[in-house]
All heavy atoms as atom14 arrays in JSON, in Angstrom:
{
  "sequence": "ATLACAFVLHQFKQLPITPFTFQSLSGELTVYRDQHGFT",
  "atom14_mask": [
    [1, 1, 1, 1, 1, 0, 0, 0, 0, 0, 0, 0, 0, 0],
    [1, 1, 1, 1, 1, 1, 1, 0, 0, 0, 0, 0, 0, 0],
    [1, 1, 1, 1, 1, 1, 1, 1, 0, 0, 0, 0, 0, 0],
    [1, 1, 1, 1, 1, 0, 0, 0, 0, 0, 0, 0, 0, 0],
    [1, 1, 1, 1, 1, 1, 0, 0, 0, 0, 0, 0, 0, 0],
    [1, 1, 1, 1, 1, 0, 0, 0, 0, 0, 0, 0, 0, 0],
    [1, 1, 1, 1, 1, 1, 1, 1, 1, 1, 1, 0, 0, 0],
    [1, 1, 1, 1, 1, 1, 1, 0, 0, 0, 0, 0, 0, 0],
    [1, 1, 1, 1, 1, 1, 1, 1, 0, 0, 0, 0, 0, 0],
    [1, 1, 1, 1, 1, 1, 1, 1, 1, 1, 0, 0, 0, 0],
    [1, 1, 1, 1, 1, 1, 1, 1, 1, 0, 0, 0, 0, 0],
    [1, 1, 1, 1, 1, 1, 1, 1, 1, 1, 1, 0, 0, 0],
    [1, 1, 1, 1, 1, 1, 1, 1, 1, 0, 0, 0, 0, 0],
    [1, 1, 1, 1, 1, 1, 1, 1, 1, 0, 0, 0, 0, 0],
    [1, 1, 1, 1, 1, 1, 1, 1, 0, 0, 0, 0, 0, 0],
    [1, 1, 1, 1, 1, 1, 1, 0, 0, 0, 0, 0, 0, 0],
    [1, 1, 1, 1, 1, 1, 1, 1, 0, 0, 0, 0, 0, 0],
    [1, 1, 1, 1, 1, 1, 1, 0, 0, 0, 0, 0, 0, 0],
    [1, 1, 1, 1, 1, 1, 1, 0, 0, 0, 0, 0, 0, 0],
    [1, 1, 1, 1, 1, 1, 1, 1, 1, 1, 1, 0, 0, 0],
    [1, 1, 1, 1, 1, 1, 1, 0, 0, 0, 0, 0, 0, 0],
    [1, 1, 1, 1, 1, 1, 1, 1, 1, 1, 1, 0, 0, 0],
    [1, 1, 1, 1, 1, 1, 1, 1, 1, 0, 0, 0, 0, 0],
    [1, 1, 1, 1, 1, 1, 0, 0, 0, 0, 0, 0, 0, 0],
    [1, 1, 1, 1, 1, 1, 1, 1, 0, 0, 0, 0, 0, 0],
    [1, 1, 1, 1, 1, 1, 0, 0, 0, 0, 0, 0, 0, 0],
    [1, 1, 1, 1, 0, 0, 0, 0, 0, 0, 0, 0, 0, 0],
    [1, 1, 1, 1, 1, 1, 1, 1, 1, 0, 0, 0, 0, 0],
    [1, 1, 1, 1, 1, 1, 1, 1, 0, 0, 0, 0, 0, 0],
    [1, 1, 1, 1, 1, 1, 1, 0, 0, 0, 0, 0, 0, 0],
    [1, 1, 1, 1, 1, 1, 1, 0, 0, 0, 0, 0, 0, 0],
    [1, 1, 1, 1, 1, 1, 1, 1, 1, 1, 1, 1, 0, 0],
    [1, 1, 1, 1, 1, 1, 1, 1, 1, 1, 1, 0, 0, 0],
    [1, 1, 1, 1, 1, 1, 1, 1, 0, 0, 0, 0, 0, 0],
    [1, 1, 1, 1, 1, 1, 1, 1, 1, 0, 0, 0, 0, 0],
    [1, 1, 1, 1, 1, 1, 1, 1, 1, 1, 0, 0, 0, 0],
    [1, 1, 1, 1, 0, 0, 0, 0, 0, 0, 0, 0, 0, 0],
    [1, 1, 1, 1, 1, 1, 1, 1, 1, 1, 1, 0, 0, 0],
    [1, 1, 1, 1, 1, 1, 1, 0, 0, 0, 0, 0, 0, 0]
  ],
  "atom14_positions": [
    [[0.82, -1.21, 0.0], [0.0, 0.0, 0.0], [0.86, 1.26, 0.0], [0.45, 2.3, -0.53], [-0.95, -0.01, 1.19], [0.0, 0.0, 0.0], [0.0, 0.0, 0.0], [0.0, 0.0, 0.0], [0.0, 0.0, 0.0], [0.0, 0.0, 0.0], [0.0, 0.0, 0.0], [0.0, 0.0, 0.0], [0.0, 0.0, 0.0], [0.0, 0.0, 0.0]],
    [[2.07, 1.2, 0.57], [2.99, 2.33, 0.5], [3.48, 2.51, -0.93], [3.54, 3.64, -1.44], [4.18, 2.11, 1.44], [3.69, 1.86, 2.76], [5.09, 3.32, 1.47], [0.0, 0.0, 0.0], [0.0, 0.0, 0.0], [0.0, 0.0, 0.0], [0.0, 0.0, 0.0], [0.0, 0.0, 0.0], [0.0, 0.0, 0.0], [0.0, 0.0, 0.0]],
    [[3.82, 1.42, -1.59], [4.21, 1.49, -3.0], [3.06, 2.05, -3.83], [3.27, 2.91, -4.7], [4.62, 0.1, -3.5], [5.25, 0.01, -4.89], [6.18, -1.2, -4.97], [4.19, -0.1, -5.99], [0.0, 0.0, 0.0], [0.0, 0.0, 0.0], [0.0, 0.0, 0.0], [0.0, 0.0, 0.0], [0.0, 0.0, 0.0], [0.0, 0.0, 0.0]],
    [[1.83, 1.6, -3.55], [0.67, 2.09, -4.29], [0.46, 3.59, -4.05], [0.09, 4.33, -4.97], [-0.57, 1.32, -3.87], [0.0, 0.0, 0.0], [0.0, 0.0, 0.0], [0.0, 0.0, 0.0], [0.0, 0.0, 0.0], [0.0, 0.0, 0.0], [0.0, 0.0, 0.0], [0.0, 0.0, 0.0], [0.0, 0.0, 0.0], [0.0, 0.0, 0.0]],
    [[0.7, 4.06, -2.82], [0.61, 5.5, -2.52], [1.61, 6.29, -3.36], [1.29, 7.35, -3.91], [0.85, 5.75, -1.04], [-0.64, 5.89, -0.05], [0.0, 0.0, 0.0], [0.0, 0.0, 0.0], [0.0, 0.0, 0.0], [0.0, 0.0, 0.0], [0.0, 0.0, 0.0], [0.0, 0.0, 0.0], [0.0, 0.0, 0.0], [0.0, 0.0, 0.0]],
    [[2.85, 5.79, -3.42], [3.86, 6.47, -4.22], [3.45, 6.53, -5.69], [3.65, 7.55, -6.36], [5.21, 5.75, -4.06], [0.0, 0.0, 0.0], [0.0, 0.0, 0.0], [0.0, 0.0, 0.0], [0.0, 0.0, 0.0], [0.0, 0.0, 0.0], [0.0, 0.0, 0.0], [0.0, 0.0, 0.0], [0.0, 0.0, 0.0], [0.0, 0.0, 0.0]],
    [[2.87, 5.46, -6.19], [2.39, 5.42, -7.58], [1.32, 6.5, -7.79], [1.35, 7.22, -8.79], [1.83, 4.04, -7.88], [1.2, 3.91, -9.24], [1.97, 3.57, -10.35], [-0.16, 4.12, -9.43], [1.4, 3.44, -11.61], [-0.75, 4.0, -10.68], [0.04, 3.67, -11.77], [0.0, 0.0, 0.0], [0.0, 0.0, 0.0], [0.0, 0.0, 0.0]],
    [[0.38, 6.62, -6.86], [-0.69, 7.62, -6.98], [-0.12, 9.03, -6.95], [-0.49, 9.89, -7.77], [-1.74, 7.43, -5.86], [-2.69, 8.62, -5.79], [-2.52, 6.14, -6.08], [0.0, 0.0, 0.0], [0.0, 0.0, 0.0], [0.0, 0.0, 0.0], [0.0, 0.0, 0.0], [0.0, 0.0, 0.0], [0.0, 0.0, 0.0], [0.0, 0.0, 0.0]],
    [[0.81, 9.3, -6.03], [1.4, 10.63, -5.95], [2.17, 10.98, -7.22], [2.16, 12.13, -7.68], [2.32, 10.71, -4.73], [1.64, 10.63, -3.37], [2.69, 10.62, -2.25], [0.64, 11.76, -3.17], [0.0, 0.0, 0.0], [0.0, 0.0, 0.0], [0.0, 0.0, 0.0], [0.0, 0.0, 0.0], [0.0, 0.0, 0.0], [0.0, 0.0, 0.0]],
    [[2.82, 9.99, -7.8], [3.58, 10.22, -9.04], [2.65, 10.42, -10.24], [2.82, 11.36, -11.02], [4.53, 9.05, -9.29], [5.28, 9.15, -10.58], [6.27, 10.08, -10.8], [5.17, 8.43, -11.73], [6.74, 9.94, -12.02], [6.1, 8.95, -12.61], [0.0, 0.0, 0.0], [0.0, 0.0, 0.0], [0.0, 0.0, 0.0], [0.0, 0.0, 0.0]],
    [[1.66, 9.54, -10.37], [0.81, 9.55, -11.56], [-0.24, 10.66, -11.53], [-0.56, 11.24, -12.58], [0.09, 8.2, -11.69], [0.99, 7.05, -12.05], [1.5, 7.11, -13.48], [2.65, 7.45, -13.71], [0.63, 6.8, -14.42], [0.0, 0.0, 0.0], [0.0, 0.0, 0.0], [0.0, 0.0, 0.0], [0.0, 0.0, 0.0], [0.0, 0.0, 0.0]],
    [[-0.79, 10.95, -10.35], [-1.93, 11.85, -10.29], [-1.62, 13.2, -9.63], [-2.35, 14.16, -9.81], [-3.09, 11.18, -9.54], [-3.62, 9.99, -10.27], [-3.19, 8.71, -9.96], [-4.55, 10.13, -11.29], [-3.66, 7.6, -10.64], [-5.03, 9.03, -11.98], [-4.59, 7.76, -11.66], [0.0, 0.0, 0.0], [0.0, 0.0, 0.0], [0.0, 0.0, 0.0]],
    [[-0.53, 13.27, -8.87], [-0.13, 14.54, -8.24], [1.18, 15.08, -8.82], [1.67, 16.12, -8.39], [0.0, 14.36, -6.73], [-1.3, 13.93, -6.05], [-2.4, 14.96, -6.23], [-3.69, 14.54, -5.58], [-4.77, 15.54, -5.8], [0.0, 0.0, 0.0], [0.0, 0.0, 0.0], [0.0, 0.0, 0.0], [0.0, 0.0, 0.0], [0.0, 0.0, 0.0]],
    [[1.73, 14.34, -9.79], [2.94, 14.75, -10.51], [4.13, 15.0, -9.58], [4.97, 15.86, -9.84], [2.67, 16.0, -11.36], [1.86, 15.74, -12.62], [0.38, 15.51, -12.32], [-0.26, 16.34, -11.69], [-0.15, 14.39, -12.78], [0.0, 0.0, 0.0], [0.0, 0.0, 0.0], [0.0, 0.0, 0.0], [0.0, 0.0, 0.0], [0.0, 0.0, 0.0]],
    [[4.2, 14.27, -8.48], [5.37, 14.34, -7.62], [6.47, 13.45, -8.19], [6.2, 12.34, -8.66], [5.01, 13.91, -6.2], [4.01, 14.82, -5.46], [3.76, 14.29, -4.05], [4.49, 16.25, -5.4], [0.0, 0.0, 0.0], [0.0, 0.0, 0.0], [0.0, 0.0, 0.0], [0.0, 0.0, 0.0], [0.0, 0.0, 0.0], [0.0, 0.0, 0.0]],
    [[7.71, 13.88, -8.15], [8.78, 13.12, -8.81], [9.19, 11.84, -8.08], [9.77, 10.95, -8.68], [9.95, 14.11, -8.85], [9.68, 15.06, -7.73], [8.2, 15.17, -7.62], [0.0, 0.0, 0.0], [0.0, 0.0, 0.0], [0.0, 0.0, 0.0], [0.0, 0.0, 0.0], [0.0, 0.0, 0.0], [0.0, 0.0, 0.0], [0.0, 0.0, 0.0]],
    [[8.95, 11.71, -6.78], [9.34, 10.53, -5.99], [10.84, 10.27, -6.13], [11.3, 9.19, -6.47], [8.53, 9.27, -6.39], [7.04, 9.6, -6.57], [8.68, 8.18, -5.32], [6.34, 10.08, -5.32], [0.0, 0.0, 0.0], [0.0, 0.0, 0.0], [0.0, 0.0, 0.0], [0.0, 0.0, 0.0], [0.0, 0.0, 0.0], [0.0, 0.0, 0.0]],
    [[11.64, 11.33, -5.88], [13.09, 11.21, -6.04], [13.88, 11.82, -4.88], [14.76, 12.65, -5.13], [13.52, 11.89, -7.34], [13.07, 13.27, -7.29], [13.01, 11.22, -8.57], [0.0, 0.0, 0.0], [0.0, 0.0, 0.0], [0.0, 0.0, 0.0], [0.0, 0.0, 0.0], [0.0, 0.0, 0.0], [0.0, 0.0, 0.0], [0.0, 0.0, 0.0]],
    [[13.68, 11.39, -3.66], [12.66, 10.45, -3.19], [11.48, 11.2, -2.55], [11.46, 12.42, -2.54], [13.42, 9.66, -2.11], [14.33, 10.73, -1.51], [14.71, 11.65, -2.64], [0.0, 0.0, 0.0], [0.0, 0.0, 0.0], [0.0, 0.0, 0.0], [0.0, 0.0, 0.0], [0.0, 0.0, 0.0], [0.0, 0.0, 0.0], [0.0, 0.0, 0.0]],
    [[10.55, 10.42, -2.0], [9.45, 10.96, -1.19], [9.49, 10.24, 0.15], [9.66, 9.02, 0.19], [8.1, 10.74, -1.87], [6.95, 11.4, -1.14], [6.6, 12.71, -1.43], [6.23, 10.72, -0.16], [5.55, 13.34, -0.76], [5.19, 11.33, 0.5], [4.84, 12.66, 0.2], [0.0, 0.0, 0.0], [0.0, 0.0, 0.0], [0.0, 0.0, 0.0]],
    [[9.32, 10.99, 1.23], [9.39, 10.4, 2.57], [8.03, 10.47, 3.24], [7.46, 11.55, 3.41], [10.43, 11.09, 3.45], [11.72, 10.97, 2.83], [10.49, 10.46, 4.83], [0.0, 0.0, 0.0], [0.0, 0.0, 0.0], [0.0, 0.0, 0.0], [0.0, 0.0, 0.0], [0.0, 0.0, 0.0], [0.0, 0.0, 0.0], [0.0, 0.0, 0.0]],
    [[7.49, 9.3, 3.59], [6.24, 9.21, 4.34], [6.54, 9.22, 5.83], [7.54, 8.64, 6.28], [5.51, 7.91, 4.0], [5.0, 7.81, 2.6], [5.72, 7.12, 1.63], [3.79, 8.39, 2.23], [5.25, 7.01, 0.33], [3.32, 8.3, 0.94], [4.04, 7.61, -0.02], [0.0, 0.0, 0.0], [0.0, 0.0, 0.0], [0.0, 0.0, 0.0]],
    [[5.64, 9.84, 6.59], [5.67, 9.77, 8.04], [4.65, 8.71, 8.47], [3.5, 8.74, 8.01], [5.32, 11.12, 8.67], [6.15, 12.28, 8.14], [7.63, 12.14, 8.43], [8.02, 11.62, 9.49], [8.47, 12.6, 7.51], [0.0, 0.0, 0.0], [0.0, 0.0, 0.0], [0.0, 0.0, 0.0], [0.0, 0.0, 0.0], [0.0, 0.0, 0.0]],
    [[5.06, 7.8, 9.36], [4.17, 6.68, 9.68], [4.39, 6.22, 11.12], [5.3, 6.69, 11.82], [4.44, 5.5, 8.73], [5.6, 4.79, 9.13], [0.0, 0.0, 0.0], [0.0, 0.0, 0.0], [0.0, 0.0, 0.0], [0.0, 0.0, 0.0], [0.0, 0.0, 0.0], [0.0, 0.0, 0.0], [0.0, 0.0, 0.0], [0.0, 0.0, 0.0]],
    [[3.58, 5.25, 11.55], [3.76, 4.65, 12.87], [5.06, 3.87, 12.97], [5.5, 3.54, 14.07], [2.57, 3.72, 13.18], [1.22, 4.4, 13.42], [0.14, 3.36, 13.63], [1.29, 5.34, 14.61], [0.0, 0.0, 0.0], [0.0, 0.0, 0.0], [0.0, 0.0, 0.0], [0.0, 0.0, 0.0], [0.0, 0.0, 0.0], [0.0, 0.0, 0.0]],
    [[5.68, 3.57, 11.84], [6.99, 2.9, 11.83], [8.12, 3.88, 11.53], [9.21, 3.47, 11.14], [6.99, 1.77, 10.8], [6.14, 0.72, 11.21], [0.0, 0.0, 0.0], [0.0, 0.0, 0.0], [0.0, 0.0, 0.0], [0.0, 0.0, 0.0], [0.0, 0.0, 0.0], [0.0, 0.0, 0.0], [0.0, 0.0, 0.0], [0.0, 0.0, 0.0]],
    [[7.86, 5.17, 11.72], [8.88, 6.17, 11.47], [8.86, 6.66, 10.02], [7.88, 6.5, 9.3], [0.0, 0.0, 0.0], [0.0, 0.0, 0.0], [0.0, 0.0, 0.0], [0.0, 0.0, 0.0], [0.0, 0.0, 0.0], [0.0, 0.0, 0.0], [0.0, 0.0, 0.0], [0.0, 0.0, 0.0], [0.0, 0.0, 0.0], [0.0, 0.0, 0.0]],
    [[9.96, 7.27, 9.61], [10.07, 7.77, 8.25], [10.31, 6.62, 7.27], [11.16, 5.76, 7.51], [11.2, 8.78, 8.14], [10.94, 10.09, 8.87], [11.98, 11.13, 8.57], [13.05, 10.79, 8.0], [11.75, 12.31, 8.91], [0.0, 0.0, 0.0], [0.0, 0.0, 0.0], [0.0, 0.0, 0.0], [0.0, 0.0, 0.0], [0.0, 0.0, 0.0]],
    [[9.55, 6.62, 6.19], [9.67, 5.59, 5.15], [9.92, 6.3, 3.83], [9.08, 7.05, 3.34], [8.4, 4.74, 5.07], [7.97, 4.03, 6.35], [6.63, 3.35, 6.15], [9.02, 3.01, 6.79], [0.0, 0.0, 0.0], [0.0, 0.0, 0.0], [0.0, 0.0, 0.0], [0.0, 0.0, 0.0], [0.0, 0.0, 0.0], [0.0, 0.0, 0.0]],
    [[11.07, 6.03, 3.24], [11.45, 6.7, 2.0], [11.16, 5.8, 0.8], [11.43, 4.6, 0.83], [12.95, 7.06, 2.03], [13.18, 7.95, 3.14], [13.37, 7.75, 0.76], [0.0, 0.0, 0.0], [0.0, 0.0, 0.0], [0.0, 0.0, 0.0], [0.0, 0.0, 0.0], [0.0, 0.0, 0.0], [0.0, 0.0, 0.0], [0.0, 0.0, 0.0]],
    [[10.61, 6.4, -0.23], [10.34, 5.7, -1.49], [10.96, 6.51, -2.62], [10.86, 7.73, -2.64], [8.82, 5.56, -1.74], [8.56, 4.74, -3.01], [8.13, 4.91, -0.54], [0.0, 0.0, 0.0], [0.0, 0.0, 0.0], [0.0, 0.0, 0.0], [0.0, 0.0, 0.0], [0.0, 0.0, 0.0], [0.0, 0.0, 0.0], [0.0, 0.0, 0.0]],
    [[11.63, 5.82, -3.54], [12.12, 6.52, -4.73], [11.81, 5.69, -5.97], [11.56, 4.48, -5.9], [13.61, 6.85, -4.62], [14.53, 5.66, -4.47], [15.03, 4.98, -5.58], [14.93, 5.22, -3.21], [15.88, 3.91, -5.45], [15.78, 4.14, -3.06], [16.26, 3.49, -4.17], [17.1, 2.42, -4.04], [0.0, 0.0, 0.0], [0.0, 0.0, 0.0]],
    [[11.83, 6.36, -7.1], [11.46, 5.74, -8.37], [12.68, 5.68, -9.28], [13.45, 6.64, -9.38], [10.34, 6.54, -9.04], [9.82, 5.95, -10.33], [8.59, 6.72, -10.83], [8.11, 6.19, -12.1], [8.5, 6.63, -13.29], [9.37, 7.63, -13.37], [8.02, 6.1, -14.4], [0.0, 0.0, 0.0], [0.0, 0.0, 0.0], [0.0, 0.0, 0.0]],
    [[12.86, 4.52, -9.95], [13.92, 4.39, -10.94], [13.42, 3.51, -12.07], [12.21, 3.26, -12.2], [15.2, 3.84, -10.31], [15.02, 2.46, -9.69], [14.05, 1.75, -10.05], [15.85, 2.07, -8.84], [0.0, 0.0, 0.0], [0.0, 0.0, 0.0], [0.0, 0.0, 0.0], [0.0, 0.0, 0.0], [0.0, 0.0, 0.0], [0.0, 0.0, 0.0]],
    [[14.33, 3.02, -12.9], [13.92, 2.25, -14.08], [13.27, 0.92, -13.73], [12.6, 0.31, -14.56], [15.13, 2.01, -15.0], [16.17, 1.03, -14.47], [17.22, 1.68, -13.62], [17.01, 2.76, -13.08], [18.39, 1.03, -13.51], [0.0, 0.0, 0.0], [0.0, 0.0, 0.0], [0.0, 0.0, 0.0], [0.0, 0.0, 0.0], [0.0, 0.0, 0.0]],
    [[13.45, 0.45, -12.49], [12.86, -0.83, -12.09], [11.49, -0.67, -11.42], [10.83, -1.66, -11.14], [13.81, -1.56, -11.13], [15.13, -1.9, -11.73], [15.27, -2.72, -12.82], [16.39, -1.5, -11.39], [16.55, -2.84, -13.13], [17.25, -2.11, -12.29], [0.0, 0.0, 0.0], [0.0, 0.0, 0.0], [0.0, 0.0, 0.0], [0.0, 0.0, 0.0]],
    [[11.09, 0.56, -11.14], [9.8, 0.78, -10.48], [9.96, 1.68, -9.27], [10.7, 2.67, -9.31], [0.0, 0.0, 0.0], [0.0, 0.0, 0.0], [0.0, 0.0, 0.0], [0.0, 0.0, 0.0], [0.0, 0.0, 0.0], [0.0, 0.0, 0.0], [0.0, 0.0, 0.0], [0.0, 0.0, 0.0], [0.0, 0.0, 0.0], [0.0, 0.0, 0.0]],
    [[9.3, 1.32, -8.19], [9.34, 2.08, -6.96], [10.07, 1.26, -5.89], [9.78, 0.07, -5.72], [7.93, 2.42, -6.47], [7.18, 3.33, -7.4], [6.43, 2.82, -8.45], [7.22, 4.71, -7.23], [5.74, 3.66, -9.31], [6.54, 5.56, -8.08], [5.8, 5.04, -9.13], [0.0, 0.0, 0.0], [0.0, 0.0, 0.0], [0.0, 0.0, 0.0]],
    [[11.0, 1.9, -5.2], [11.78, 1.22, -4.17], [11.39, 1.73, -2.8], [11.42, 2.94, -2.55], [13.29, 1.43, -4.4], [13.67, 0.81, -5.63], [14.09, 0.8, -3.25], [0.0, 0.0, 0.0], [0.0, 0.0, 0.0], [0.0, 0.0, 0.0], [0.0, 0.0, 0.0], [0.0, 0.0, 0.0], [0.0, 0.0, 0.0], [0.0, 0.0, 0.0]]
  ]
}
């Protein structure tokens, strides 16, 4: 669901995800996008 959130932010909010950091109950979670998808 975190990967899916990053996909939505990239596709529909035009955020670059290079990287994007989520705040969560497990602390900061960083997601970035490259040629293989979302990490």
